[in-house]
Amino acid sequence: MGNRLSKIYTRTGDQGDTGLGDGTRVDKDSLRVEAYGSVDELNSHIGLLLAQTAVTENSRATLIDIQHDLFDLGGELCIPGHAAISDVHIERLEQALDALNADLPALKEFILPGGNIAAATAHVARAVCRRAERRVVSLARQEAVNAPVIAYLNRLSDLLFVIARVLARADGGEVLWRRDR
């Protein structure tokens, strides 16, 4: 393992720049920092989701694996040229998606974010995941990005949507959008 931080503040970023994992200094609002910062925010929202008691043990294990993946993904974005996410990670998300979605009824209406605290938290995580995906796509237009990263975030947002549906249906039901309201 690398060096451990003995002091949390360094003052090296006080002028608006930060160090990437390869030692390069970039502006704190660079596309790369925005991308891995959004992934970090997503990971925090998943942590908040995990704090909800309504999350099943099966979903809990999946979400903890995802948190580890997101930490690796953020590291990948922080170190230009590094690759940590592969098609294997995407396949694992797809397997979890298929398993959770199998027991859900087909969608006939749009679903509003909500239902209960756990489902709403999953919806917030899904929205943050979509933003992280957009940030990575923006970065990929300017710099090389490992292609599975974008696919992983895309599939993860789908999985978070399905988890939100499962959580909502387990406790009161989904909130459907009504066109005729």
Protein backbone atom coordinates (compact mmCIF):
# COMPACT_ATOMS: atom_id res chain seq x y z
CA MET A 1 0.00 0.00 0.00
CA GLY A 2 1.17 3.54 -0.68
CA ASN A 3 1.98 6.28 1.77
CA ARG A 4 -0.54 6.99 4.48
CA LEU A 5 -1.59 10.53 5.26
CA SER A 6 -0.34 11.62 8.64
CA LYS A 7 -1.54 15.16 8.09
CA ILE A 8 -4.82 15.81 6.29
CA TYR A 9 -4.18 19.31 5.04
CA THR A 10 -1.23 20.10 2.78
CA ARG A 11 -2.01 23.64 1.61
CA THR A 12 -0.89 22.62 -1.89
CA GLY A 13 -4.36 23.27 -3.32
CA ASP A 14 -4.92 26.69 -1.78
CA GLN A 15 -4.45 28.42 -5.13
CA GLY A 16 -7.12 26.39 -6.94
CA ASP A 17 -5.10 23.52 -8.34
CA THR A 18 -4.72 19.90 -7.25
CA GLY A 19 -2.45 16.95 -7.86
CA LEU A 20 -3.49 13.98 -9.95
CA GLY A 21 -2.36 10.48 -9.05
CA ASP A 22 0.58 10.75 -11.44
CA GLY A 23 1.80 13.99 -9.81
CA THR A 24 0.51 16.31 -12.55
CA ARG A 25 -1.01 19.57 -11.24
CA VAL A 26 -4.35 20.63 -12.76
CA ASP A 27 -7.04 23.19 -11.99
CA LYS A 28 -9.60 21.95 -9.46
CA ASP A 29 -12.38 22.58 -11.97
CA SER A 30 -10.72 20.63 -14.79
CA LEU A 31 -12.85 18.03 -16.56
CA ARG A 32 -10.84 15.22 -15.00
CA VAL A 33 -11.31 16.51 -11.45
CA GLU A 34 -15.01 17.15 -12.14
CA ALA A 35 -15.34 13.55 -13.36
CA TYR A 36 -13.68 11.84 -10.42
CA GLY A 37 -15.27 14.30 -8.01
CA SER A 38 -18.71 13.31 -9.29
CA VAL A 39 -17.79 9.64 -8.88
CA ASP A 40 -16.73 10.38 -5.30
CA GLU A 41 -20.05 12.13 -4.67
CA LEU A 42 -21.88 9.13 -6.13
CA ASN A 43 -19.98 6.80 -3.83
CA SER A 44 -21.04 8.95 -0.86
CA HIS A 45 -24.69 8.76 -1.90
CA ILE A 46 -24.42 4.99 -2.15
CA GLY A 47 -22.99 5.04 1.37
CA LEU A 48 -26.06 6.99 2.44
CA LEU A 49 -28.26 4.41 0.72
CA LEU A 50 -26.43 1.65 2.58
CA ALA A 51 -27.24 3.40 5.86
CA GLN A 52 -30.94 2.74 5.19
CA THR A 53 -32.22 -0.31 7.04
CA ALA A 54 -34.65 -1.16 4.22
CA VAL A 55 -31.80 -2.26 1.93
CA THR A 56 -31.84 -6.06 1.62
CA GLU A 57 -28.72 -8.11 2.37
CA ASN A 58 -28.43 -9.08 -1.30
CA SER A 59 -28.59 -5.45 -2.45
CA ARG A 60 -26.30 -4.43 0.40
CA ALA A 61 -23.57 -6.83 -0.76
CA THR A 62 -23.95 -5.60 -4.35
CA LEU A 63 -23.78 -1.96 -3.28
CA ILE A 64 -20.65 -2.54 -1.18
CA ASP A 65 -18.98 -4.17 -4.20
CA ILE A 66 -20.05 -1.14 -6.25
CA GLN A 67 -18.51 1.22 -3.69
CA HIS A 68 -15.20 -0.59 -4.12
CA ASP A 69 -15.57 -0.43 -7.91
CA LEU A 70 -16.28 3.30 -7.72
CA PHE A 71 -13.20 3.86 -5.59
CA ASP A 72 -11.16 2.04 -8.26
CA LEU A 73 -12.95 3.96 -11.03
CA GLY A 74 -12.19 7.27 -9.32
CA GLY A 75 -8.57 6.23 -9.01
CA GLU A 76 -8.54 5.37 -12.69
CA LEU A 77 -9.81 8.84 -13.55
CA CYS A 78 -7.29 10.41 -11.17
CA ILE A 79 -4.34 8.68 -12.85
CA PRO A 80 -4.32 9.40 -16.60
CA GLY A 81 -3.66 6.22 -18.58
CA HIS A 82 -4.52 3.89 -15.68
CA ALA A 83 -7.21 1.23 -16.22
CA ALA A 84 -9.08 -0.47 -13.37
CA ILE A 85 -12.61 -1.01 -14.72
CA SER A 86 -13.22 -3.72 -17.31
CA ASP A 87 -16.04 -5.56 -19.01
CA VAL A 88 -16.07 -8.00 -16.07
CA HIS A 89 -17.32 -5.17 -13.82
CA ILE A 90 -20.07 -4.32 -16.30
CA GLU A 91 -21.14 -7.96 -16.57
CA ARG A 92 -21.43 -8.15 -12.78
CA LEU A 93 -23.75 -5.11 -12.81
CA GLU A 94 -25.84 -6.67 -15.57
CA GLN A 95 -26.21 -9.89 -13.58
CA ALA A 96 -27.38 -7.94 -10.53
CA LEU A 97 -29.76 -5.93 -12.74
CA ASP A 98 -31.27 -9.03 -14.29
CA ALA A 99 -31.73 -10.71 -10.90
CA LEU A 100 -33.40 -7.69 -9.26
CA ASN A 101 -35.52 -6.78 -12.27
CA ALA A 102 -36.86 -10.32 -12.74
CA ASP A 103 -39.45 -9.94 -9.97
CA LEU A 104 -40.58 -6.43 -10.90
CA PRO A 105 -43.65 -5.76 -13.03
CA ALA A 106 -43.08 -4.21 -16.43
CA LEU A 107 -43.09 -0.43 -16.45
CA LYS A 108 -46.19 1.13 -17.96
CA GLU A 109 -45.75 4.65 -16.55
CA PHE A 110 -42.88 6.88 -15.55
CA ILE A 111 -41.89 6.68 -11.90
CA LEU A 112 -41.36 9.78 -9.79
CA PRO A 113 -38.36 9.75 -7.45
CA GLY A 114 -39.63 8.85 -4.01
CA GLY A 115 -41.76 6.16 -2.41
CA ASN A 116 -39.85 6.04 0.87
CA ILE A 117 -36.52 7.29 2.24
CA ALA A 118 -34.49 4.35 0.94
CA ALA A 119 -36.04 4.46 -2.55
CA ALA A 120 -35.65 8.25 -2.73
CA THR A 121 -32.00 7.91 -1.70
CA ALA A 122 -31.47 5.36 -4.48
CA HIS A 123 -33.05 7.81 -6.94
CA VAL A 124 -30.68 10.58 -5.80
CA ALA A 125 -27.75 8.20 -6.27
CA ARG A 126 -29.08 7.37 -9.76
CA ALA A 127 -29.26 11.07 -10.70
CA VAL A 128 -25.74 11.70 -9.39
CA CYS A 129 -24.56 8.64 -11.34
CA ARG A 130 -26.01 10.12 -14.54
CA ARG A 131 -24.14 13.38 -13.83
CA ALA A 132 -20.91 11.47 -13.23
CA GLU A 133 -21.46 9.70 -16.55
CA ARG A 134 -21.95 13.05 -18.31
CA ARG A 135 -18.74 14.40 -16.74
CA VAL A 136 -16.79 11.36 -17.90
CA VAL A 137 -18.23 11.68 -21.41
CA SER A 138 -17.11 15.35 -21.45
CA LEU A 139 -13.65 14.29 -20.32
CA ALA A 140 -13.52 11.57 -22.98
CA ARG A 141 -14.05 14.22 -25.68
CA GLN A 142 -10.83 15.92 -24.55
CA GLU A 143 -8.64 13.13 -23.18
CA ALA A 144 -8.34 9.35 -23.36
CA VAL A 145 -10.74 7.51 -21.06
CA ASN A 146 -11.01 3.75 -20.68
CA ALA A 147 -14.24 2.89 -22.56
CA PRO A 148 -15.66 0.51 -19.91
CA VAL A 149 -15.83 3.43 -17.44
CA ILE A 150 -18.66 5.09 -19.37
CA ALA A 151 -20.51 1.81 -19.85
CA TYR A 152 -20.09 0.98 -16.15
CA LEU A 153 -21.66 4.27 -15.06
CA ASN A 154 -24.46 3.86 -17.59
CA ARG A 155 -25.29 0.38 -16.32
CA LEU A 156 -24.93 1.47 -12.69
CA SER A 157 -27.57 4.19 -13.13
CA ASP A 158 -29.92 1.51 -14.47
CA LEU A 159 -29.17 -0.70 -11.48
CA LEU A 160 -29.80 2.14 -9.04
CA PHE A 161 -33.16 2.75 -10.73
CA VAL A 162 -34.10 -0.91 -10.30
CA ILE A 163 -32.94 -0.87 -6.66
CA ALA A 164 -35.13 2.20 -6.10
CA ARG A 165 -38.09 0.31 -7.57
CA VAL A 166 -37.44 -2.72 -5.37
CA LEU A 167 -37.15 -0.57 -2.25
CA ALA A 168 -40.29 1.44 -3.06
CA ARG A 169 -42.37 -1.65 -3.78
CA ALA A 170 -41.25 -3.29 -0.53
CA ASP A 171 -42.64 -0.38 1.49
CA GLY A 172 -45.77 1.26 0.15
CA GLY A 173 -45.21 1.25 -3.58
CA GLU A 174 -43.85 3.37 -6.36
CA VAL A 175 -45.03 6.90 -7.07
CA LEU A 176 -46.22 6.99 -10.68
CA TRP A 177 -46.20 10.09 -12.85
CA ARG A 178 -49.71 11.05 -13.86
CA ARG A 179 -50.04 12.88 -17.14
CA ASP A 180 -53.65 13.83 -16.39
CA ARG A 181 -53.11 15.35 -12.95
